[in-house]
Amino acid sequence: MTTFAAPQTPGRVSAVIADDEPLLRAQLRARLERLWPELAIVHEMENGRDVARVLDDHAPSLFFLDIHMPGVNGLEAARSIGSRAHVVFVTAFDQYAVEAFERGAVDYLLKPFHEERLAIAIERVKERITGRPPPIERLVESLAARFSPQGPGHLRWIKASVGSHVRLIPVEEVLFFQSDDKYTRVVTAEAESLIRKPIRELLDELDPARFWQVHRATIVNVDAIASVRRSLKDQAEICLRDHGETLVVSRAFTHLFKQM
């Protein structure tokens, strides 16, 4: 990943950002540079792999760790870091963040980033950074249990790129997903976005009680269905709440609506 040449000024705090979204890394780095110009961002990572080498090569005092990253996630990275550096957990899942803060991690940040909350986190880090990093083993074990396949584990947020920004869409706001060969439309009552995640991957991650596949290329939020009708071609069609688009149900999935 990216390493930045930063002057090694005595007493200067050095930090590493780990997040699998390049735009979010850039956004956090830019805001940190503006709010904490004395902070040296010495390295960026897209997951927690090689965190031991990063510790040896850069000896950072602080890590901004996204909890949910592919490969080696932030919790696994935190285990490896141990007491060698302070940790700020970065997450889109507020229940994880609150527990992380209450159990003694340096602090937490929620996505999308808000400068007021980031400024508070910076002040708290500055107060603690000269002391020994707090033990976080119990916290890591507690949070890791929530990522267990036996736990809830369903997708809660959709990350969609909008220009140079990343929009985080709560899945409960999504009316339906619809794919073509390259992209998947994510449609809400207010807007729509495009993501590269295919339907088959979404099906593995979404709550099957809430999201039903109704076509090889379409998944619908059951709560968004206003009615189901028969078309002139004797195909089932879904009418949605708060949206004028009609979704065609393929014959393979009409059984889902027999009792509706």
Protein backbone atom coordinates (compact mmCIF):
# COMPACT_ATOMS: atom_id res chain seq x y z
CA MET A 1 0.00 0.00 0.00
CA THR A 2 0.96 3.64 0.21
CA THR A 3 3.79 4.90 2.38
CA PHE A 4 4.27 8.61 2.94
CA ALA A 5 7.63 10.22 3.61
CA ALA A 6 7.01 12.30 6.72
CA PRO A 7 9.64 14.21 8.67
CA GLN A 8 10.50 12.42 11.89
CA THR A 9 10.15 15.39 14.22
CA PRO A 10 10.73 14.46 17.87
CA GLY A 11 7.42 14.28 19.70
CA ARG A 12 5.39 14.21 16.49
CA VAL A 13 2.61 11.63 16.40
CA SER A 14 2.74 9.22 13.46
CA ALA A 15 -0.34 7.36 12.27
CA VAL A 16 -1.53 4.68 9.85
CA ILE A 17 -4.92 4.56 8.10
CA ALA A 18 -6.38 1.14 7.23
CA ASP A 19 -9.54 1.06 5.12
CA ASP A 20 -10.45 -0.89 1.99
CA GLU A 21 -12.13 2.14 0.36
CA PRO A 22 -9.54 4.45 -1.28
CA LEU A 23 -11.94 7.41 -1.32
CA LEU A 24 -12.68 7.07 2.38
CA ARG A 25 -8.96 6.82 3.17
CA ALA A 26 -8.34 9.99 1.18
CA GLN A 27 -11.24 11.75 2.87
CA LEU A 28 -10.05 10.84 6.35
CA ARG A 29 -6.44 11.79 5.54
CA ALA A 30 -7.51 15.19 4.16
CA ARG A 31 -9.60 15.98 7.21
CA LEU A 32 -6.89 14.87 9.60
CA GLU A 33 -4.38 17.08 7.77
CA ARG A 34 -6.72 20.02 8.17
CA LEU A 35 -7.73 19.43 11.81
CA TRP A 36 -4.45 18.00 13.12
CA PRO A 37 -1.62 19.35 10.89
CA GLU A 38 1.05 18.08 13.32
CA LEU A 39 -0.05 14.47 12.74
CA ALA A 40 2.13 12.50 10.32
CA ILE A 41 0.26 9.93 8.22
CA VAL A 42 3.12 7.57 7.43
CA HIS A 43 1.30 4.68 5.77
CA GLU A 44 -2.04 3.56 4.31
CA MET A 45 -3.39 0.00 4.11
CA GLU A 46 -6.40 -1.56 2.39
CA ASN A 47 -6.64 -4.27 5.07
CA GLY A 48 -4.80 -5.42 8.15
CA ARG A 49 -2.40 -7.71 6.35
CA ASP A 50 1.30 -7.11 7.18
CA VAL A 51 0.43 -4.94 10.18
CA ALA A 52 3.40 -6.42 12.07
CA ARG A 53 5.76 -5.29 9.31
CA VAL A 54 4.19 -1.82 9.31
CA LEU A 55 4.77 -1.60 13.05
CA ASP A 56 8.40 -2.58 12.60
CA ASP A 57 9.02 -0.28 9.61
CA HIS A 58 7.19 2.84 10.78
CA ALA A 59 6.65 2.48 14.56
CA PRO A 60 3.39 4.46 14.42
CA SER A 61 1.79 5.69 17.62
CA LEU A 62 -1.74 5.49 16.24
CA PHE A 63 -3.85 3.36 13.88
CA PHE A 64 -7.18 4.32 12.33
CA LEU A 65 -8.63 0.85 11.71
CA ASP A 66 -11.77 0.14 9.71
CA ILE A 67 -13.41 -2.74 11.56
CA HIS A 68 -14.88 -4.39 8.48
CA MET A 69 -12.25 -4.94 5.78
CA PRO A 70 -11.78 -7.92 3.46
CA GLY A 71 -8.89 -10.27 4.06
CA VAL A 72 -7.53 -9.23 7.45
CA ASN A 73 -10.11 -7.01 9.14
CA GLY A 74 -9.57 -4.31 11.73
CA LEU A 75 -10.24 -6.59 14.68
CA GLU A 76 -7.58 -9.08 13.57
CA ALA A 77 -5.19 -6.19 12.99
CA ALA A 78 -5.93 -4.84 16.48
CA ARG A 79 -4.99 -8.22 17.95
CA SER A 80 -1.61 -7.99 16.24
CA ILE A 81 -1.08 -4.39 17.32
CA GLY A 82 -1.83 -5.15 20.96
CA SER A 83 -0.19 -2.55 23.19
CA ARG A 84 2.29 -1.33 20.56
CA ALA A 85 0.05 1.53 19.38
CA HIS A 86 -3.20 3.30 20.12
CA VAL A 87 -6.24 2.40 18.04
CA VAL A 88 -9.17 4.42 16.74
CA PHE A 89 -11.82 2.14 15.29
CA VAL A 90 -13.57 3.35 12.14
CA THR A 91 -16.93 1.81 11.34
CA ALA A 92 -20.30 2.26 9.71
CA PHE A 93 -21.89 0.15 12.45
CA ASP A 94 -22.70 2.40 15.38
CA GLN A 95 -23.35 -0.38 17.90
CA TYR A 96 -19.77 -1.62 17.43
CA ALA A 97 -18.38 1.90 17.77
CA VAL A 98 -20.18 2.73 20.98
CA GLU A 99 -19.01 -0.48 22.63
CA ALA A 100 -15.46 0.12 21.44
CA PHE A 101 -15.42 3.53 23.06
CA GLU A 102 -17.06 2.43 26.30
CA ARG A 103 -14.64 -0.47 26.79
CA GLY A 104 -11.50 1.62 26.56
CA ALA A 105 -10.36 1.88 22.93
CA VAL A 106 -8.90 5.31 22.27
CA ASP A 107 -11.98 6.41 20.37
CA TYR A 108 -14.15 5.64 17.36
CA LEU A 109 -15.29 7.31 14.15
CA LEU A 110 -18.48 6.63 12.26
CA LYS A 111 -18.81 6.65 8.50
CA PRO A 112 -19.57 8.98 6.84
CA PHE A 113 -17.06 11.21 8.62
CA HIS A 114 -18.27 14.42 10.26
CA GLU A 115 -15.68 17.06 11.13
CA GLU A 116 -17.22 17.90 14.51
CA ARG A 117 -17.01 14.26 15.65
CA LEU A 118 -13.51 13.92 14.18
CA ALA A 119 -12.38 17.03 16.07
CA ILE A 120 -13.65 15.50 19.34
CA ALA A 121 -11.83 12.24 18.59
CA ILE A 122 -8.60 14.14 17.88
CA GLU A 123 -8.74 15.94 21.22
CA ARG A 124 -9.30 12.66 23.05
CA VAL A 125 -6.41 11.01 21.23
CA LYS A 126 -4.12 13.91 22.08
CA GLU A 127 -4.98 13.49 25.77
CA ARG A 128 -4.11 9.77 25.75
CA ILE A 129 -1.40 9.42 23.15
CA THR A 130 1.53 9.95 25.53
CA GLY A 131 0.31 7.16 27.81
CA ARG A 132 0.44 3.41 27.33
CA PRO A 133 -2.21 2.10 24.88
CA PRO A 134 -5.14 0.61 26.78
CA PRO A 135 -5.65 -3.18 26.60
CA ILE A 136 -8.27 -4.03 23.98
CA GLU A 137 -8.12 -7.83 23.90
CA ARG A 138 -11.51 -8.30 25.57
CA LEU A 139 -13.07 -5.69 23.33
CA VAL A 140 -11.67 -7.37 20.21
CA GLU A 141 -13.00 -10.76 21.30
CA SER A 142 -16.43 -9.28 22.01
CA LEU A 143 -16.66 -7.56 18.65
CA ALA A 144 -15.26 -10.57 16.80
CA ALA A 145 -18.14 -12.66 18.14
CA ARG A 146 -20.54 -10.32 16.38
CA PHE A 147 -18.83 -11.02 13.08
CA SER A 148 -19.27 -14.75 13.52
CA PRO A 149 -21.23 -16.45 10.72
CA GLN A 150 -23.64 -17.64 13.40
CA GLY A 151 -24.38 -14.03 14.40
CA PRO A 152 -26.71 -11.53 12.68
CA GLY A 153 -24.07 -10.66 10.10
CA HIS A 154 -26.41 -9.31 7.42
CA LEU A 155 -25.40 -6.39 5.25
CA ARG A 156 -26.55 -3.11 6.76
CA TRP A 157 -24.94 -0.49 4.52
CA ILE A 158 -24.28 -0.14 0.81
CA LYS A 159 -21.16 1.78 -0.22
CA ALA A 160 -21.81 3.61 -3.48
CA SER A 161 -19.38 5.96 -5.22
CA VAL A 162 -20.91 9.29 -6.24
CA GLY A 163 -18.28 11.32 -8.07
CA SER A 164 -15.36 11.71 -5.67
CA HIS A 165 -17.46 10.80 -2.64
CA VAL A 166 -18.67 7.54 -1.14
CA ARG A 167 -22.34 7.45 -0.18
CA LEU A 168 -23.37 5.07 2.60
CA ILE A 169 -26.93 3.85 2.03
CA PRO A 170 -28.74 2.01 4.86
CA VAL A 171 -30.11 -1.20 3.32
CA GLU A 172 -33.54 -0.64 4.85
CA GLU A 173 -33.86 2.43 2.59
CA VAL A 174 -33.23 0.40 -0.57
CA LEU A 175 -36.40 -0.37 -2.55
CA PHE A 176 -34.70 -2.76 -4.95
CA PHE A 177 -31.44 -3.84 -6.57
CA GLN A 178 -31.25 -4.47 -10.31
CA SER A 179 -28.21 -5.67 -12.24
CA ASP A 180 -26.97 -5.61 -15.79
CA ASP A 181 -23.73 -7.12 -17.09
CA LYS A 182 -21.50 -4.58 -15.35
CA TYR A 183 -23.29 -2.65 -12.61
CA THR A 184 -26.07 -3.01 -10.05
CA ARG A 185 -28.61 -0.22 -9.55
CA VAL A 186 -29.35 0.61 -5.93
CA VAL A 187 -32.72 2.37 -5.90
CA THR A 188 -34.16 4.27 -2.94
CA ALA A 189 -37.22 6.53 -2.76
CA GLU A 190 -35.02 9.62 -3.20
CA ALA A 191 -32.24 8.53 -5.57
CA GLU A 192 -30.38 5.73 -7.24
CA SER A 193 -26.70 4.76 -7.34
CA LEU A 194 -24.54 2.23 -9.14
CA ILE A 195 -22.29 -0.35 -7.48
CA ARG A 196 -20.14 -3.16 -8.90
CA LYS A 197 -21.36 -5.84 -6.51
CA PRO A 198 -23.34 -8.50 -8.47
CA ILE A 199 -26.74 -9.85 -7.44
CA ARG A 200 -25.32 -13.22 -6.39
CA GLU A 201 -23.03 -11.56 -3.82
CA LEU A 202 -25.82 -9.36 -2.51
CA LEU A 203 -28.01 -12.43 -2.01
CA ASP A 204 -25.33 -13.95 0.23
CA GLU A 205 -25.11 -10.80 2.37
CA LEU A 206 -28.69 -9.47 2.61
CA ASP A 207 -31.29 -10.61 5.13
CA PRO A 208 -33.37 -13.19 3.20
CA ALA A 209 -36.42 -12.41 5.33
CA ARG A 210 -36.41 -8.83 4.07
CA PHE A 211 -34.91 -9.04 0.56
CA TRP A 212 -36.32 -11.45 -2.02
CA GLN A 213 -34.94 -12.30 -5.42
CA VAL A 214 -37.81 -11.91 -7.90
CA HIS A 215 -35.81 -12.16 -11.13
CA ARG A 216 -32.31 -13.35 -12.02
CA ALA A 217 -31.28 -9.66 -12.04
CA THR A 218 -33.60 -8.17 -9.38
CA ILE A 219 -33.85 -8.21 -5.60
CA VAL A 220 -36.72 -6.35 -3.93
CA ASN A 221 -37.18 -5.10 -0.38
CA VAL A 222 -40.37 -6.85 0.78
CA ASP A 223 -41.31 -3.84 2.92
CA ALA A 224 -41.32 -1.68 -0.21
CA ILE A 225 -43.95 -3.76 -2.03
CA ALA A 226 -47.31 -2.00 -2.31
CA SER A 227 -49.06 -4.66 -4.42
CA VAL A 228 -48.54 -7.49 -6.89
CA ARG A 229 -50.64 -7.68 -10.04
CA ARG A 230 -50.94 -9.78 -13.19
CA SER A 231 -49.88 -8.23 -16.47
CA LEU A 232 -51.53 -8.79 -19.86
CA LYS A 233 -48.85 -11.45 -20.49
CA ASP A 234 -49.93 -13.20 -17.27
CA GLN A 235 -46.69 -12.26 -15.53
CA ALA A 236 -46.60 -11.02 -11.96
CA GLU A 237 -45.57 -7.38 -11.58
CA ILE A 238 -44.58 -5.61 -8.37
CA CYS A 239 -45.82 -2.08 -7.65
CA LEU A 240 -43.65 -0.28 -5.13
CA ARG A 241 -44.39 2.22 -2.41
CA ASP A 242 -42.96 5.69 -3.05
CA HIS A 243 -41.69 4.74 -6.51
CA GLY A 244 -43.30 4.61 -9.94
CA GLU A 245 -41.19 1.82 -11.42
CA THR A 246 -42.78 -1.63 -11.85
CA LEU A 247 -40.71 -4.77 -11.33
CA VAL A 248 -41.34 -7.90 -13.37
CA VAL A 249 -41.35 -11.20 -11.46
CA SER A 250 -39.95 -14.09 -13.46
CA ARG A 251 -41.94 -17.34 -13.46
CA ALA A 252 -39.29 -19.05 -11.34
CA PHE A 253 -40.16 -16.73 -8.44
CA THR A 254 -43.94 -16.31 -8.74
CA HIS A 255 -44.44 -18.86 -5.96
CA LEU A 256 -43.24 -16.24 -3.50
CA PHE A 257 -46.47 -14.31 -4.00
CA LYS A 258 -49.02 -17.12 -4.02
CA GLN A 259 -50.25 -16.18 -0.55
CA MET A 260 -50.15 -12.41 -1.07
